């Protein structure tokens, strides 16, 4: 299985645990890579299946949406924009951003671009980072604001980072299962079925769950 753009650890762990229990004779090998390399590997039959955030795939591949998670803004725990329960997009343009490297997080960047397009010319990009871990560290240190899915930020559980939705925005970041457009084996069919259902077995986080205790006290 080829992974790109990051996958929520809780879902991946649940998927692998179910696979070990239900198909113990099937070995699952995981590989992380940029989306462009993933697509090439799937086309060349190097991998059986992939998880990515890119909808448009190469020739002979099919992409099926399997998971959706709300897009949120990540802010330092004492940031002035915490006065907003939902952050207006024009306020984002007034603050430095810590954004992912488009070549590394290609699918995520592809889904984020339409959201930021109205303020594209005004963006202040302080840093470009290859991983969510580094983005969260820089956001916590006050370098700027970041973007990710609520599910992935929740798993990092950084007490110095708070999330907020964008005002009037209901963008859901979609993860796609990608495979060759051929008749899958029985083992792969069972695996795909588990991928489709694992999101129902893992509880989605709530934005308020990521607000540090001292911030919640101030709000109340």
Protein backbone atom coordinates (compact mmCIF):
# COMPACT_ATOMS: atom_id res chain seq x y z
CA UNK A 1 0.00 0.00 0.00
CA UNK A 2 1.39 3.38 -1.05
CA UNK A 3 0.56 6.36 1.19
CA UNK A 4 0.80 10.05 0.29
CA UNK A 5 -0.39 13.36 1.76
CA UNK A 6 -0.65 11.89 5.24
CA UNK A 7 -3.27 9.54 6.64
CA UNK A 8 -4.94 9.88 10.08
CA UNK A 9 -3.07 7.45 12.32
CA UNK A 10 -6.21 6.29 14.14
CA UNK A 11 -7.83 5.20 10.89
CA UNK A 12 -4.67 3.57 9.57
CA UNK A 13 -4.14 1.69 12.84
CA UNK A 14 -7.76 0.49 12.87
CA UNK A 15 -7.46 -0.61 9.25
CA UNK A 16 -4.27 -2.57 9.85
CA UNK A 17 -5.61 -4.15 13.04
CA UNK A 18 -8.76 -5.33 11.28
CA UNK A 19 -6.70 -6.68 8.39
CA UNK A 20 -4.45 -8.66 10.73
CA UNK A 21 -7.49 -10.10 12.48
CA UNK A 22 -9.58 -10.89 9.40
CA UNK A 23 -6.82 -11.73 6.89
CA UNK A 24 -3.84 -12.85 9.01
CA UNK A 25 -2.22 -14.66 6.08
CA UNK A 26 -1.98 -11.44 4.03
CA UNK A 27 1.11 -9.31 4.63
CA UNK A 28 0.62 -5.56 4.19
CA UNK A 29 3.70 -3.50 3.31
CA UNK A 30 3.41 0.29 3.70
CA UNK A 31 5.34 2.88 1.70
CA UNK A 32 5.17 6.68 2.08
CA UNK A 33 5.89 8.86 -0.95
CA UNK A 34 4.79 11.98 -2.88
CA UNK A 35 1.64 11.57 -4.97
CA UNK A 36 3.48 11.72 -8.29
CA UNK A 37 5.67 8.74 -7.35
CA UNK A 38 2.65 6.90 -5.96
CA UNK A 39 0.75 7.26 -9.23
CA UNK A 40 3.72 6.04 -11.25
CA UNK A 41 4.17 3.05 -8.95
CA UNK A 42 0.50 2.09 -9.21
CA UNK A 43 0.61 2.41 -13.01
CA UNK A 44 3.66 0.13 -13.10
CA UNK A 45 2.03 -2.44 -10.77
CA UNK A 46 4.55 -1.85 -7.98
CA UNK A 47 1.71 -1.34 -5.47
CA UNK A 48 -1.74 -2.86 -5.16
CA UNK A 49 -3.50 0.15 -3.69
CA UNK A 50 -2.84 3.71 -2.54
CA UNK A 51 -4.33 6.35 -0.26
CA UNK A 52 -4.00 9.96 -1.40
CA UNK A 53 -5.78 13.31 -1.51
CA UNK A 54 -5.55 13.67 -5.29
CA UNK A 55 -8.76 12.94 -7.17
CA UNK A 56 -7.39 13.05 -10.73
CA UNK A 57 -5.21 10.01 -11.32
CA UNK A 58 -3.15 8.61 -14.17
CA UNK A 59 -4.38 6.55 -17.08
CA UNK A 60 -5.73 3.14 -16.10
CA UNK A 61 -6.27 4.10 -12.44
CA UNK A 62 -9.49 4.63 -10.53
CA UNK A 63 -9.84 6.83 -7.43
CA UNK A 64 -12.70 6.34 -4.95
CA UNK A 65 -13.40 8.81 -2.10
CA UNK A 66 -13.26 6.94 1.22
CA UNK A 67 -12.63 9.41 4.07
CA UNK A 68 -13.56 13.04 4.65
CA UNK A 69 -12.28 15.36 7.38
CA UNK A 70 -13.00 19.07 7.96
CA UNK A 71 -10.30 21.59 7.06
CA UNK A 72 -9.27 23.74 10.03
CA UNK A 73 -6.82 26.53 10.82
CA UNK A 74 -4.09 25.78 13.37
CA UNK A 75 -3.16 28.71 15.64
CA UNK A 76 -0.82 29.27 18.62
CA UNK A 77 -2.73 28.88 21.88
CA UNK A 78 -2.58 32.61 22.71
CA UNK A 79 -3.16 34.03 19.23
CA UNK A 80 -5.37 37.10 18.78
CA UNK A 81 -7.54 35.32 16.19
CA UNK A 82 -8.86 33.04 18.93
CA UNK A 83 -11.39 35.82 19.51
CA UNK A 84 -13.16 34.37 16.45
CA UNK A 85 -15.11 31.13 16.69
CA UNK A 86 -14.85 31.02 12.88
CA UNK A 87 -11.99 32.92 11.26
CA UNK A 88 -12.82 35.23 8.31
CA UNK A 89 -10.65 34.51 5.28
CA UNK A 90 -9.56 38.16 5.05
CA UNK A 91 -8.08 37.85 8.56
CA UNK A 92 -5.89 34.97 7.37
CA UNK A 93 -4.30 37.33 4.82
CA UNK A 94 -3.07 39.58 7.64
CA UNK A 95 -0.98 36.92 9.35
CA UNK A 96 2.07 34.87 8.34
CA UNK A 97 1.43 31.27 7.32
CA UNK A 98 3.28 27.99 7.70
CA UNK A 99 2.29 25.98 4.62
CA UNK A 100 3.14 22.53 3.32
CA UNK A 101 5.57 22.02 0.44
CA UNK A 102 3.33 21.55 -2.63
CA UNK A 103 5.67 18.91 -4.10
CA UNK A 104 5.53 16.82 -0.91
CA UNK A 105 1.87 17.34 0.09
CA UNK A 106 0.59 17.58 -3.48
CA UNK A 107 -2.92 16.28 -2.89
CA UNK A 108 -3.49 18.34 0.26
CA UNK A 109 -2.18 21.46 -1.48
CA UNK A 110 -4.47 20.78 -4.44
CA UNK A 111 -7.50 20.79 -2.11
CA UNK A 112 -6.32 23.80 -0.09
CA UNK A 113 -5.60 26.07 -3.09
CA UNK A 114 -9.27 26.79 -4.00
CA UNK A 115 -9.92 27.84 -0.39
CA UNK A 116 -7.05 30.36 -0.38
CA UNK A 117 -7.52 31.57 -3.96
CA UNK A 118 -9.56 34.71 -3.05
CA UNK A 119 -6.60 35.98 -0.97
CA UNK A 120 -3.82 34.32 -2.95
CA UNK A 121 -2.06 37.57 -3.87
CA UNK A 122 -2.09 38.73 -0.23
CA UNK A 123 -0.70 35.60 1.43
CA UNK A 124 2.29 36.02 3.73
CA UNK A 125 4.14 32.69 3.64
CA UNK A 126 6.65 32.58 6.50
CA UNK A 127 7.74 28.94 6.05
CA UNK A 128 7.23 25.95 3.75
CA UNK A 129 7.48 22.60 5.52
CA UNK A 130 7.50 18.94 4.39
CA UNK A 131 5.59 17.44 7.34
CA UNK A 132 2.64 18.17 9.60
CA UNK A 133 4.82 17.57 12.67
CA UNK A 134 7.11 20.44 11.68
CA UNK A 135 4.18 22.68 10.81
CA UNK A 136 2.64 22.10 14.25
CA UNK A 137 5.96 22.85 15.98
CA UNK A 138 6.33 26.14 14.09
CA UNK A 139 2.70 27.11 14.70
CA UNK A 140 3.10 26.39 18.42
CA UNK A 141 6.27 28.53 18.44
CA UNK A 142 4.38 31.44 16.88
CA UNK A 143 5.88 31.42 13.38
CA UNK A 144 2.46 31.58 11.75
CA UNK A 145 -0.89 29.91 11.12
CA UNK A 146 -1.23 26.48 9.52
CA UNK A 147 -3.86 24.34 7.81
CA UNK A 148 -4.65 20.66 8.08
CA UNK A 149 -7.51 18.26 8.67
CA UNK A 150 -9.05 18.22 12.13
CA UNK A 151 -8.39 14.47 12.43
CA UNK A 152 -4.64 14.75 11.88
CA UNK A 153 -4.16 17.75 14.18
CA UNK A 154 -6.18 16.03 16.92
CA UNK A 155 -3.83 13.05 16.86
CA UNK A 156 -0.76 15.21 17.50
CA UNK A 157 -2.48 16.63 20.62
CA UNK A 158 -0.18 19.65 20.95
CA UNK A 159 -1.38 21.71 23.95
CA UNK A 160 0.09 24.88 22.40
CA UNK A 161 -2.00 24.66 19.22
CA UNK A 162 -5.70 25.48 18.87
CA UNK A 163 -7.93 24.91 15.84
CA UNK A 164 -10.67 27.02 14.31
CA UNK A 165 -12.80 26.56 11.18
CA UNK A 166 -12.84 29.22 8.48
CA UNK A 167 -15.92 31.44 8.43
CA UNK A 168 -18.49 30.29 5.90
CA UNK A 169 -16.27 27.44 4.73
CA UNK A 170 -17.33 23.80 4.90
CA UNK A 171 -14.37 22.34 3.01
CA UNK A 172 -13.90 18.66 3.67
CA UNK A 173 -10.49 17.20 2.85
CA UNK A 174 -11.11 14.00 0.95
CA UNK A 175 -8.87 10.93 1.00
CA UNK A 176 -9.11 8.66 -2.04
CA UNK A 177 -8.38 4.99 -2.42
CA UNK A 178 -6.53 4.47 -5.71
CA UNK A 179 -5.96 1.24 -7.59
CA UNK A 180 -5.53 -0.06 -11.10
CA UNK A 181 -8.73 -0.28 -13.12
CA UNK A 182 -8.67 -4.09 -13.29
CA UNK A 183 -10.58 -6.85 -11.52
CA UNK A 184 -9.17 -6.91 -7.97
CA UNK A 185 -8.27 -10.11 -6.15
CA UNK A 186 -10.51 -11.41 -3.36
CA UNK A 187 -7.98 -10.28 -0.75
CA UNK A 188 -7.87 -6.78 -2.22
CA UNK A 189 -11.67 -6.60 -2.37
CA UNK A 190 -11.87 -7.43 1.34
CA UNK A 191 -9.19 -4.83 2.09
CA UNK A 192 -11.03 -2.15 0.09
CA UNK A 193 -14.23 -2.95 1.98
CA UNK A 194 -12.40 -2.43 5.28
CA UNK A 195 -11.03 0.91 4.08
CA UNK A 196 -14.55 2.05 3.14
CA UNK A 197 -15.95 1.20 6.57
CA UNK A 198 -13.10 2.04 8.94
CA UNK A 199 -14.13 5.73 9.18
CA UNK A 200 -17.41 4.66 10.78
CA UNK A 201 -15.53 2.79 13.49
CA UNK A 202 -13.20 5.65 14.47
CA UNK A 203 -14.81 8.58 16.30
CA UNK A 204 -14.26 11.97 14.67
CA UNK A 205 -12.74 14.64 16.92
CA UNK A 206 -14.57 17.81 17.86
CA UNK A 207 -12.96 21.22 17.46
CA UNK A 208 -13.53 21.99 21.15
CA UNK A 209 -11.54 18.90 22.08
CA UNK A 210 -8.41 20.60 20.75
CA UNK A 211 -8.82 23.81 22.75
CA UNK A 212 -6.41 23.95 25.73
CA UNK A 213 -8.06 24.11 29.14
CA UNK A 214 -6.97 27.69 29.84
CA UNK A 215 -8.52 28.87 26.54
CA UNK A 216 -11.80 27.09 27.30
CA UNK A 217 -11.92 28.80 30.70
CA UNK A 218 -11.48 32.21 29.08
CA UNK A 219 -14.25 31.48 26.57
CA UNK A 220 -16.63 30.33 29.29
